Structures are given as structure tokens and as C-alpha cells.
Amino acid sequence: MKRICLLHTGGTISMVKNEAGVLQPAGSGEHVLEYVPAIKKIAEIDNIFLFELDSSDINPRHWRIIAETIGKHYHDYDGFVVLHGTDTMAYTATALSFMLGNLSKPVILT
């Protein structure tokens, strides 16, 4: 079975509604897997929580942390999924494409 690493950086996908209906950080990635229950049949998923930020607050320091984390765990997983807000996702994807060039494993931002 393939091993996939979910890297949590924040964004709406990392939020849940509290009792008042207000979005707040979930503190756990298990709710994300509930959106796609069949995923557990095709891959083993591990969660790594890097930060819980609005993507408008992500900057080059955070890009370095994401890249270093992927590098550190590169041989442990078959692929990586970075959960990220939409405001700066394109900037992060571009930065990571240069920082992680020529990988033989997928790195997906969503």
C-alpha cells in the first residue's frame, strides 16, 4: 500500500466549525480524511502539522519549512499532499518547484 504524507499548513480545509458556527483550527487532520473515506483503502495516510496559518500570512520562511520537511521525510513516503489556503497557493507552489526540483515523487498542493 502506498504511503502518503499530508502536510498541514492551514487554510479553510484545516478548519472546523465550533458550536457557534465559527470556523476555528481543527488541531487534527482526521476530519480531512472524512471527506474522502475511500482513501484509506488505497493508501496509508500520515499527518504532519507544520502550522495553522491563513495563507495570506505564509512567507518564504514557511516555504523553507515545507521544503525541508519534504526533504526530511522524502524516503518515508511515496508522495506528499500540502494542505494550503488559496490566497498564496500559487506562490508556494512556484517556490517549492524551485526548492524541490527534479523529484521523482509527487508533491501536490491543495
N, C-alpha and C. Protein backbone atom coordinates (compact mmCIF):
# COMPACT_ATOMS: atom_id res chain seq x y z
N MET A 1 0.85 -1.18 0.00
CA MET A 1 0.00 0.00 0.00
C MET A 1 0.89 1.24 0.00
N LYS A 2 0.53 2.23 -0.78
CA LYS A 2 1.28 3.48 -0.87
C LYS A 2 1.18 4.26 0.44
N ARG A 3 2.25 4.99 0.75
CA ARG A 3 2.27 5.85 1.93
C ARG A 3 2.28 7.29 1.47
N ILE A 4 1.32 8.07 1.96
CA ILE A 4 1.16 9.47 1.60
C ILE A 4 1.27 10.32 2.86
N CYS A 5 1.98 11.42 2.74
CA CYS A 5 2.14 12.35 3.85
C CYS A 5 1.30 13.60 3.59
N LEU A 6 0.39 13.91 4.50
CA LEU A 6 -0.38 15.16 4.44
C LEU A 6 0.34 16.19 5.31
N LEU A 7 0.77 17.27 4.67
CA LEU A 7 1.42 18.36 5.39
C LEU A 7 0.40 19.48 5.60
N HIS A 8 0.08 19.76 6.83
CA HIS A 8 -0.93 20.77 7.16
C HIS A 8 -0.27 22.12 7.37
N THR A 9 -0.73 23.12 6.60
CA THR A 9 -0.20 24.47 6.76
C THR A 9 -1.28 25.47 7.14
N GLY A 10 -2.53 25.05 7.15
CA GLY A 10 -3.63 25.95 7.48
C GLY A 10 -4.61 26.06 6.33
N GLY A 11 -5.29 27.19 6.26
CA GLY A 11 -6.32 27.38 5.26
C GLY A 11 -7.65 26.84 5.73
N THR A 12 -8.68 27.11 4.98
CA THR A 12 -10.03 26.70 5.36
C THR A 12 -10.17 25.20 5.51
N ILE A 13 -9.45 24.42 4.70
CA ILE A 13 -9.55 22.96 4.78
C ILE A 13 -9.11 22.44 6.14
N SER A 14 -8.31 23.20 6.85
CA SER A 14 -7.82 22.79 8.17
C SER A 14 -8.71 23.29 9.30
N MET A 15 -9.86 23.84 8.96
CA MET A 15 -10.76 24.42 9.96
C MET A 15 -12.01 23.54 10.15
N VAL A 16 -12.62 23.68 11.30
CA VAL A 16 -13.92 23.08 11.60
C VAL A 16 -14.77 24.16 12.26
N LYS A 17 -16.08 23.98 12.19
CA LYS A 17 -16.98 24.93 12.86
C LYS A 17 -17.12 24.56 14.33
N ASN A 18 -17.05 25.60 15.19
CA ASN A 18 -17.28 25.36 16.60
C ASN A 18 -18.79 25.38 16.88
N GLU A 19 -19.17 25.31 18.14
CA GLU A 19 -20.59 25.26 18.50
C GLU A 19 -21.36 26.49 18.05
N ALA A 20 -20.68 27.63 17.92
CA ALA A 20 -21.33 28.87 17.48
C ALA A 20 -21.35 28.99 15.96
N GLY A 21 -20.79 27.99 15.27
CA GLY A 21 -20.77 28.02 13.81
C GLY A 21 -19.62 28.81 13.22
N VAL A 22 -18.65 29.16 14.07
CA VAL A 22 -17.49 29.94 13.63
C VAL A 22 -16.34 28.98 13.30
N LEU A 23 -15.65 29.22 12.19
CA LEU A 23 -14.52 28.38 11.83
C LEU A 23 -13.35 28.62 12.77
N GLN A 24 -12.71 27.52 13.17
CA GLN A 24 -11.53 27.59 14.02
C GLN A 24 -10.59 26.45 13.63
N PRO A 25 -9.29 26.56 13.93
CA PRO A 25 -8.36 25.48 13.60
C PRO A 25 -8.80 24.17 14.24
N ALA A 26 -8.74 23.10 13.47
CA ALA A 26 -9.20 21.80 13.95
C ALA A 26 -8.24 21.18 14.95
N GLY A 27 -6.94 21.41 14.76
CA GLY A 27 -5.96 20.81 15.64
C GLY A 27 -5.67 19.35 15.33
N SER A 28 -6.39 18.79 14.37
CA SER A 28 -6.21 17.40 13.97
C SER A 28 -6.57 17.29 12.50
N GLY A 29 -5.93 16.40 11.80
CA GLY A 29 -6.22 16.22 10.38
C GLY A 29 -7.23 15.15 10.09
N GLU A 30 -7.74 14.50 11.11
CA GLU A 30 -8.67 13.39 10.89
C GLU A 30 -9.92 13.81 10.14
N HIS A 31 -10.40 15.03 10.38
CA HIS A 31 -11.62 15.48 9.70
C HIS A 31 -11.41 15.58 8.20
N VAL A 32 -10.19 15.86 7.76
CA VAL A 32 -9.90 15.96 6.33
C VAL A 32 -10.10 14.60 5.66
N LEU A 33 -9.68 13.54 6.33
CA LEU A 33 -9.82 12.20 5.76
C LEU A 33 -11.28 11.77 5.68
N GLU A 34 -12.14 12.36 6.49
CA GLU A 34 -13.57 12.03 6.43
C GLU A 34 -14.20 12.47 5.12
N TYR A 35 -13.61 13.47 4.44
CA TYR A 35 -14.14 13.93 3.16
C TYR A 35 -13.96 12.88 2.07
N VAL A 36 -12.96 12.03 2.22
CA VAL A 36 -12.66 11.01 1.21
C VAL A 36 -12.41 9.68 1.94
N PRO A 37 -13.47 9.04 2.45
CA PRO A 37 -13.26 7.83 3.25
C PRO A 37 -12.61 6.68 2.49
N ALA A 38 -12.78 6.62 1.18
CA ALA A 38 -12.21 5.52 0.40
C ALA A 38 -10.69 5.59 0.32
N ILE A 39 -10.11 6.73 0.67
CA ILE A 39 -8.66 6.89 0.57
C ILE A 39 -7.93 5.87 1.42
N LYS A 40 -8.51 5.49 2.54
CA LYS A 40 -7.86 4.55 3.45
C LYS A 40 -7.73 3.16 2.83
N LYS A 41 -8.50 2.90 1.78
CA LYS A 41 -8.42 1.60 1.10
C LYS A 41 -7.27 1.54 0.10
N ILE A 42 -6.76 2.71 -0.30
CA ILE A 42 -5.72 2.71 -1.33
C ILE A 42 -4.39 3.27 -0.86
N ALA A 43 -4.37 3.91 0.32
CA ALA A 43 -3.12 4.50 0.79
C ALA A 43 -3.12 4.62 2.31
N GLU A 44 -1.94 4.53 2.86
CA GLU A 44 -1.74 4.81 4.28
C GLU A 44 -1.40 6.30 4.38
N ILE A 45 -2.16 7.04 5.17
CA ILE A 45 -2.02 8.48 5.26
C ILE A 45 -1.47 8.86 6.63
N ASP A 46 -0.41 9.65 6.63
CA ASP A 46 0.13 10.21 7.87
C ASP A 46 0.00 11.73 7.82
N ASN A 47 -0.27 12.33 8.96
CA ASN A 47 -0.42 13.78 9.08
C ASN A 47 0.81 14.39 9.74
N ILE A 48 1.30 15.47 9.16
CA ILE A 48 2.34 16.28 9.80
C ILE A 48 1.80 17.71 9.85
N PHE A 49 1.74 18.26 11.05
CA PHE A 49 1.21 19.61 11.25
C PHE A 49 2.37 20.59 11.33
N LEU A 50 2.48 21.42 10.32
CA LEU A 50 3.55 22.41 10.28
C LEU A 50 3.13 23.71 10.94
N PHE A 51 1.97 24.21 10.56
CA PHE A 51 1.43 25.43 11.14
C PHE A 51 -0.04 25.54 10.77
N GLU A 52 -0.76 26.41 11.45
CA GLU A 52 -2.17 26.69 11.17
C GLU A 52 -2.28 28.17 10.84
N LEU A 53 -2.01 28.50 9.59
CA LEU A 53 -1.97 29.90 9.17
C LEU A 53 -3.00 30.20 8.10
N ASP A 54 -3.47 31.42 8.09
CA ASP A 54 -4.17 31.93 6.93
C ASP A 54 -3.10 32.03 5.85
N SER A 55 -3.39 31.56 4.65
CA SER A 55 -2.33 31.52 3.63
C SER A 55 -1.82 32.90 3.26
N SER A 56 -2.58 33.95 3.54
CA SER A 56 -2.06 35.29 3.26
C SER A 56 -0.89 35.64 4.17
N ASP A 57 -0.69 34.86 5.24
CA ASP A 57 0.43 35.08 6.16
C ASP A 57 1.64 34.19 5.86
N ILE A 58 1.53 33.31 4.88
CA ILE A 58 2.66 32.43 4.55
C ILE A 58 3.70 33.22 3.77
N ASN A 59 4.96 33.01 4.13
CA ASN A 59 6.06 33.76 3.52
C ASN A 59 7.22 32.82 3.22
N PRO A 60 8.33 33.32 2.69
CA PRO A 60 9.45 32.45 2.33
C PRO A 60 9.98 31.57 3.46
N ARG A 61 9.90 32.04 4.69
CA ARG A 61 10.34 31.20 5.82
C ARG A 61 9.49 29.93 5.89
N HIS A 62 8.19 30.06 5.66
CA HIS A 62 7.30 28.90 5.68
C HIS A 62 7.58 27.97 4.50
N TRP A 63 7.89 28.55 3.33
CA TRP A 63 8.23 27.72 2.17
C TRP A 63 9.44 26.84 2.49
N ARG A 64 10.42 27.42 3.17
CA ARG A 64 11.62 26.66 3.54
C ARG A 64 11.26 25.52 4.48
N ILE A 65 10.37 25.78 5.44
CA ILE A 65 9.96 24.73 6.38
C ILE A 65 9.25 23.60 5.63
N ILE A 66 8.37 23.93 4.70
CA ILE A 66 7.67 22.90 3.92
C ILE A 66 8.69 22.08 3.13
N ALA A 67 9.60 22.75 2.43
CA ALA A 67 10.60 22.06 1.61
C ALA A 67 11.50 21.18 2.48
N GLU A 68 11.94 21.69 3.61
CA GLU A 68 12.81 20.91 4.50
C GLU A 68 12.08 19.69 5.05
N THR A 69 10.80 19.84 5.36
CA THR A 69 10.02 18.71 5.88
C THR A 69 9.88 17.63 4.81
N ILE A 70 9.60 18.03 3.58
CA ILE A 70 9.52 17.05 2.49
C ILE A 70 10.87 16.37 2.31
N GLY A 71 11.95 17.14 2.33
CA GLY A 71 13.28 16.55 2.20
C GLY A 71 13.60 15.57 3.32
N LYS A 72 13.24 15.93 4.54
CA LYS A 72 13.50 15.07 5.70
C LYS A 72 12.75 13.75 5.60
N HIS A 73 11.53 13.77 5.06
CA HIS A 73 10.69 12.58 5.01
C HIS A 73 10.61 11.96 3.61
N TYR A 74 11.45 12.42 2.70
CA TYR A 74 11.36 12.01 1.30
C TYR A 74 11.39 10.49 1.12
N HIS A 75 12.23 9.80 1.85
CA HIS A 75 12.37 8.35 1.68
C HIS A 75 11.32 7.56 2.46
N ASP A 76 10.51 8.24 3.26
CA ASP A 76 9.49 7.56 4.07
C ASP A 76 8.15 7.44 3.35
N TYR A 77 7.93 8.24 2.30
CA TYR A 77 6.62 8.31 1.67
C TYR A 77 6.72 8.20 0.15
N ASP A 78 5.60 7.81 -0.45
CA ASP A 78 5.51 7.71 -1.91
C ASP A 78 5.05 9.02 -2.54
N GLY A 79 4.51 9.92 -1.74
CA GLY A 79 4.06 11.21 -2.23
C GLY A 79 3.65 12.11 -1.08
N PHE A 80 3.48 13.38 -1.41
CA PHE A 80 3.17 14.40 -0.40
C PHE A 80 2.01 15.26 -0.87
N VAL A 81 1.10 15.57 0.05
CA VAL A 81 0.00 16.49 -0.22
C VAL A 81 0.10 17.61 0.80
N VAL A 82 0.23 18.83 0.30
CA VAL A 82 0.34 20.01 1.16
C VAL A 82 -1.03 20.67 1.20
N LEU A 83 -1.66 20.68 2.37
CA LEU A 83 -2.95 21.35 2.55
C LEU A 83 -2.67 22.82 2.82
N HIS A 84 -3.22 23.68 1.97
CA HIS A 84 -2.79 25.08 1.93
C HIS A 84 -3.99 25.95 1.56
N GLY A 85 -4.06 27.13 2.10
CA GLY A 85 -5.10 28.07 1.69
C GLY A 85 -4.87 28.57 0.28
N THR A 86 -5.90 29.16 -0.30
CA THR A 86 -5.84 29.54 -1.72
C THR A 86 -5.19 30.89 -1.98
N ASP A 87 -5.12 31.78 -0.99
CA ASP A 87 -4.62 33.13 -1.24
C ASP A 87 -3.21 33.15 -1.83
N THR A 88 -2.33 32.31 -1.31
CA THR A 88 -0.94 32.33 -1.77
C THR A 88 -0.46 30.98 -2.28
N MET A 89 -1.39 30.08 -2.57
CA MET A 89 -1.01 28.74 -3.01
C MET A 89 -0.12 28.77 -4.25
N ALA A 90 -0.42 29.62 -5.20
CA ALA A 90 0.38 29.69 -6.43
C ALA A 90 1.82 30.11 -6.11
N TYR A 91 1.99 31.04 -5.17
CA TYR A 91 3.34 31.46 -4.80
C TYR A 91 4.10 30.32 -4.13
N THR A 92 3.42 29.62 -3.22
CA THR A 92 4.06 28.50 -2.54
C THR A 92 4.42 27.40 -3.54
N ALA A 93 3.51 27.09 -4.46
CA ALA A 93 3.79 26.06 -5.46
C ALA A 93 4.99 26.43 -6.31
N THR A 94 5.07 27.68 -6.70
CA THR A 94 6.20 28.13 -7.52
C THR A 94 7.51 28.02 -6.73
N ALA A 95 7.50 28.49 -5.50
CA ALA A 95 8.71 28.42 -4.67
C ALA A 95 9.14 26.98 -4.47
N LEU A 96 8.19 26.10 -4.16
CA LEU A 96 8.54 24.70 -3.93
C LEU A 96 9.06 24.03 -5.20
N SER A 97 8.55 24.44 -6.35
CA SER A 97 9.02 23.84 -7.60
C SER A 97 10.51 24.12 -7.81
N PHE A 98 10.98 25.27 -7.36
CA PHE A 98 12.41 25.58 -7.46
C PHE A 98 13.20 24.94 -6.33
N MET A 99 12.63 24.93 -5.13
CA MET A 99 13.34 24.40 -3.97
C MET A 99 13.46 22.88 -4.01
N LEU A 100 12.48 22.21 -4.65
CA LEU A 100 12.43 20.75 -4.66
C LEU A 100 12.62 20.19 -6.07
N GLY A 101 13.27 20.88 -6.93
CA GLY A 101 13.38 20.49 -8.33
C GLY A 101 13.83 19.05 -8.54
N ASN A 102 13.32 18.44 -9.61
CA ASN A 102 13.72 17.10 -10.06
C ASN A 102 13.40 15.98 -9.08
N LEU A 103 12.28 16.07 -8.39
CA LEU A 103 11.85 14.98 -7.52
C LEU A 103 11.24 13.87 -8.36
N SER A 104 11.33 12.66 -7.87
CA SER A 104 10.70 11.54 -8.57
C SER A 104 9.39 11.12 -7.89
N LYS A 105 8.94 11.92 -6.93
CA LYS A 105 7.68 11.65 -6.23
C LYS A 105 6.80 12.88 -6.33
N PRO A 106 5.47 12.68 -6.35
CA PRO A 106 4.58 13.83 -6.46
C PRO A 106 4.49 14.65 -5.18
N VAL A 107 4.40 15.96 -5.37
CA VAL A 107 4.10 16.91 -4.30
C VAL A 107 2.91 17.72 -4.80
N ILE A 108 1.78 17.56 -4.14
CA ILE A 108 0.53 18.18 -4.57
C ILE A 108 0.11 19.23 -3.56
N LEU A 109 -0.24 20.41 -4.04
CA LEU A 109 -0.80 21.44 -3.17
C LEU A 109 -2.29 21.53 -3.41
N THR A 110 -3.04 21.57 -2.33
CA THR A 110 -4.49 21.69 -2.44
C THR A 110 -5.04 22.43 -1.25
